[in-house]
Amino acid sequence: MSEESENQLEKQSCIVADFGDFLTKHPVGGKILDVKALPHNKDTILDAICFLIVVSEDEKRVEQLRAGALILANFQEGVGDQPLWPLGFDVSASDEDVDAFIERVNADANTKAHERYMTLQPLVRKDELNIMKKTAAAVRLRHERLEGHKL
C-alpha cells in the first residue's frame, strides 16, 4: 500500500472512530438529532464509512459499518439542541405511573415535539434509503476489488 493510501486509510478510520465514540457516549435509539451534534459533517462520515467498506477484508466489519451508516439518517438539519422523540420525550427516562404517563404524552409541549418528529420522519426514511444505496455500491466495489485479487 502506498503512503498516500495509508494516509487516506488512517484519515477515514479516524473519522469513523470519532463517529463510533460519539455513538458510544450518545446512543441514538429512536430519536432524531441535529446534524450539528455529529463530530464531522454527515456526508464526510458516510464517505469515510463507504471507503472503509471498500477496503475491508472482514465481512463482519462491513456489516457493522453498514449498520453504523444507517444511524446517520437520524441526524437532520434544524432539529436544534434538544433531540426529538417519537412521543415527544424520552420514554426510557420516565418512572411515572400509567395515568401520569398518558397525561404527559398528551401534554401540549409533547404533542408539538411529536408533531415535529413526525414531520422529520420522512426525511429520515429518505436518508436511510440513500445510505443503503450508497453502502450497497461500496459493497459492490469491495466485491469487485476482492474478485480482482483472485484473478
Protein backbone atom coordinates (compact mmCIF):
# COMPACT_ATOMS: atom_id res chain seq x y z
CA MET A 1 0.00 0.00 0.00
CA SER A 2 1.34 3.43 -0.93
CA GLU A 3 1.99 6.11 1.68
CA GLU A 4 -0.87 8.15 0.22
CA SER A 5 -3.23 5.17 0.51
CA GLU A 6 -2.12 4.56 4.09
CA ASN A 7 -2.72 8.22 4.95
CA GLN A 8 -6.18 8.06 3.36
CA LEU A 9 -6.99 4.87 5.30
CA GLU A 10 -5.84 6.46 8.55
CA LYS A 11 -7.85 9.64 7.93
CA GLN A 12 -11.05 7.76 7.07
CA SER A 13 -10.56 5.38 10.01
CA CYS A 14 -10.22 8.34 12.40
CA ILE A 15 -13.45 9.89 11.10
CA VAL A 16 -15.35 6.62 11.60
CA ALA A 17 -13.74 6.09 15.01
CA ASP A 18 -14.85 9.59 16.07
CA PHE A 19 -18.40 8.73 14.97
CA GLY A 20 -18.25 5.42 16.85
CA ASP A 21 -17.01 7.17 20.01
CA PHE A 22 -19.80 9.71 19.67
CA LEU A 23 -22.42 6.93 19.40
CA THR A 24 -20.97 5.18 22.45
CA LYS A 25 -21.35 8.35 24.51
CA HIS A 26 -24.66 9.44 22.92
CA PRO A 27 -26.80 6.47 21.88
CA VAL A 28 -29.33 7.46 19.24
CA GLY A 29 -32.15 5.00 19.87
CA GLY A 30 -35.28 6.16 18.07
CA LYS A 31 -34.67 9.86 18.43
CA ILE A 32 -33.85 12.42 15.77
CA LEU A 33 -30.92 14.73 16.46
CA ASP A 34 -29.45 17.79 14.81
CA VAL A 35 -26.58 17.18 12.37
CA LYS A 36 -24.59 19.80 14.31
CA ALA A 37 -24.19 17.21 17.10
CA LEU A 38 -22.06 14.97 14.85
CA PRO A 39 -18.27 15.03 15.27
CA HIS A 40 -17.86 15.55 11.48
CA ASN A 41 -20.06 16.52 8.56
CA LYS A 42 -22.71 13.85 7.89
CA ASP A 43 -21.57 13.29 4.28
CA THR A 44 -17.94 13.13 5.38
CA ILE A 45 -18.78 10.36 7.85
CA LEU A 46 -20.79 8.44 5.26
CA ASP A 47 -17.99 8.76 2.70
CA ALA A 48 -15.48 7.50 5.27
CA ILE A 49 -17.71 4.54 6.12
CA CYS A 50 -18.07 3.68 2.42
CA PHE A 51 -14.31 3.95 1.93
CA LEU A 52 -13.71 1.53 4.80
CA ILE A 53 -16.32 -0.87 3.38
CA VAL A 54 -14.49 -0.93 0.04
CA VAL A 55 -11.07 -1.63 1.61
CA SER A 56 -12.24 -4.01 4.35
CA GLU A 57 -11.16 -7.63 4.31
CA ASP A 58 -13.63 -8.58 7.08
CA GLU A 59 -17.25 -9.32 6.19
CA LYS A 60 -18.41 -8.79 9.80
CA ARG A 61 -16.77 -5.36 9.83
CA VAL A 62 -18.58 -4.48 6.60
CA GLU A 63 -21.94 -5.30 8.20
CA GLN A 64 -21.04 -3.23 11.27
CA LEU A 65 -20.10 -0.29 9.06
CA ARG A 66 -23.36 -0.57 7.10
CA ALA A 67 -25.39 -0.65 10.33
CA GLY A 68 -23.49 2.36 11.67
CA ALA A 69 -24.07 4.25 8.45
CA LEU A 70 -27.84 3.86 8.80
CA ILE A 71 -27.73 5.66 12.14
CA LEU A 72 -26.67 8.79 10.25
CA ALA A 73 -30.24 9.05 8.92
CA ASN A 74 -31.38 10.04 12.42
CA PHE A 75 -29.36 13.25 12.15
CA GLN A 76 -31.26 16.02 10.37
CA GLU A 77 -30.90 19.75 9.77
CA GLY A 78 -32.71 22.21 12.04
CA VAL A 79 -33.62 19.89 14.91
CA GLY A 80 -31.95 22.09 17.48
CA ASP A 81 -30.20 21.27 20.73
CA GLN A 82 -32.93 19.00 22.06
CA PRO A 83 -33.47 15.66 20.36
CA LEU A 84 -36.90 14.74 19.07
CA TRP A 85 -38.52 11.56 20.41
CA PRO A 86 -41.44 9.62 18.89
CA LEU A 87 -43.73 10.51 21.82
CA GLY A 88 -42.24 13.93 22.40
CA PHE A 89 -39.98 12.92 25.30
CA ASP A 90 -37.58 10.19 26.39
CA VAL A 91 -39.88 7.37 27.50
CA SER A 92 -36.98 5.37 28.97
CA ALA A 93 -36.33 8.17 31.47
CA SER A 94 -39.90 8.08 32.77
CA ASP A 95 -40.80 6.32 36.00
CA GLU A 96 -44.37 7.64 36.08
CA ASP A 97 -47.46 5.54 36.68
CA VAL A 98 -49.68 4.85 33.67
CA ASP A 99 -52.10 7.75 34.24
CA ALA A 100 -49.30 10.30 34.70
CA PHE A 101 -47.53 8.85 31.67
CA ILE A 102 -50.63 9.22 29.47
CA GLU A 103 -51.15 12.75 30.74
CA ARG A 104 -47.56 13.60 29.89
CA VAL A 105 -47.88 12.10 26.39
CA ASN A 106 -50.95 14.25 25.78
CA ALA A 107 -49.35 17.46 27.14
CA ASP A 108 -49.22 20.28 24.61
CA ALA A 109 -45.41 20.56 24.60
CA ASN A 110 -45.03 16.83 23.94
CA THR A 111 -47.69 16.91 21.25
CA LYS A 112 -45.77 19.66 19.42
CA ALA A 113 -42.48 17.77 19.81
CA HIS A 114 -44.16 14.62 18.50
CA GLU A 115 -45.53 16.55 15.51
CA ARG A 116 -42.01 17.86 14.71
CA TYR A 117 -40.70 14.31 14.99
CA MET A 118 -43.35 13.06 12.57
CA THR A 119 -42.60 15.92 10.15
CA LEU A 120 -38.93 14.90 10.01
CA GLN A 121 -39.59 11.16 9.86
CA PRO A 122 -40.00 11.10 6.03
CA LEU A 123 -36.58 12.76 5.72
CA VAL A 124 -35.09 10.09 7.98
CA ARG A 125 -36.62 7.35 5.78
CA LYS A 126 -35.36 9.04 2.61
CA ASP A 127 -31.87 9.29 4.09
CA GLU A 128 -31.99 5.63 5.11
CA LEU A 129 -32.73 4.64 1.51
CA ASN A 130 -29.94 6.85 0.16
CA ILE A 131 -27.50 5.48 2.74
CA MET A 132 -28.46 1.89 1.88
CA LYS A 133 -27.88 2.62 -1.81
CA LYS A 134 -24.51 4.22 -1.15
CA THR A 135 -23.28 1.43 1.15
CA ALA A 136 -24.57 -1.21 -1.29
CA ALA A 137 -22.49 0.45 -4.02
CA ALA A 138 -19.47 0.33 -1.70
CA VAL A 139 -20.08 -3.37 -1.10
CA ARG A 140 -20.20 -3.97 -4.87
CA LEU A 141 -16.88 -2.14 -5.27
CA ARG A 142 -15.45 -4.22 -2.44
CA HIS A 143 -16.53 -7.44 -4.13
CA GLU A 144 -15.02 -6.27 -7.42
CA ARG A 145 -11.78 -5.45 -5.61
CA LEU A 146 -11.70 -8.83 -3.89
CA GLU A 147 -12.55 -10.67 -7.11
CA GLY A 148 -9.73 -8.81 -8.83
CA HIS A 149 -7.30 -10.25 -6.27
CA LYS A 150 -8.43 -13.78 -7.13
CA LEU A 151 -7.55 -13.47 -10.81
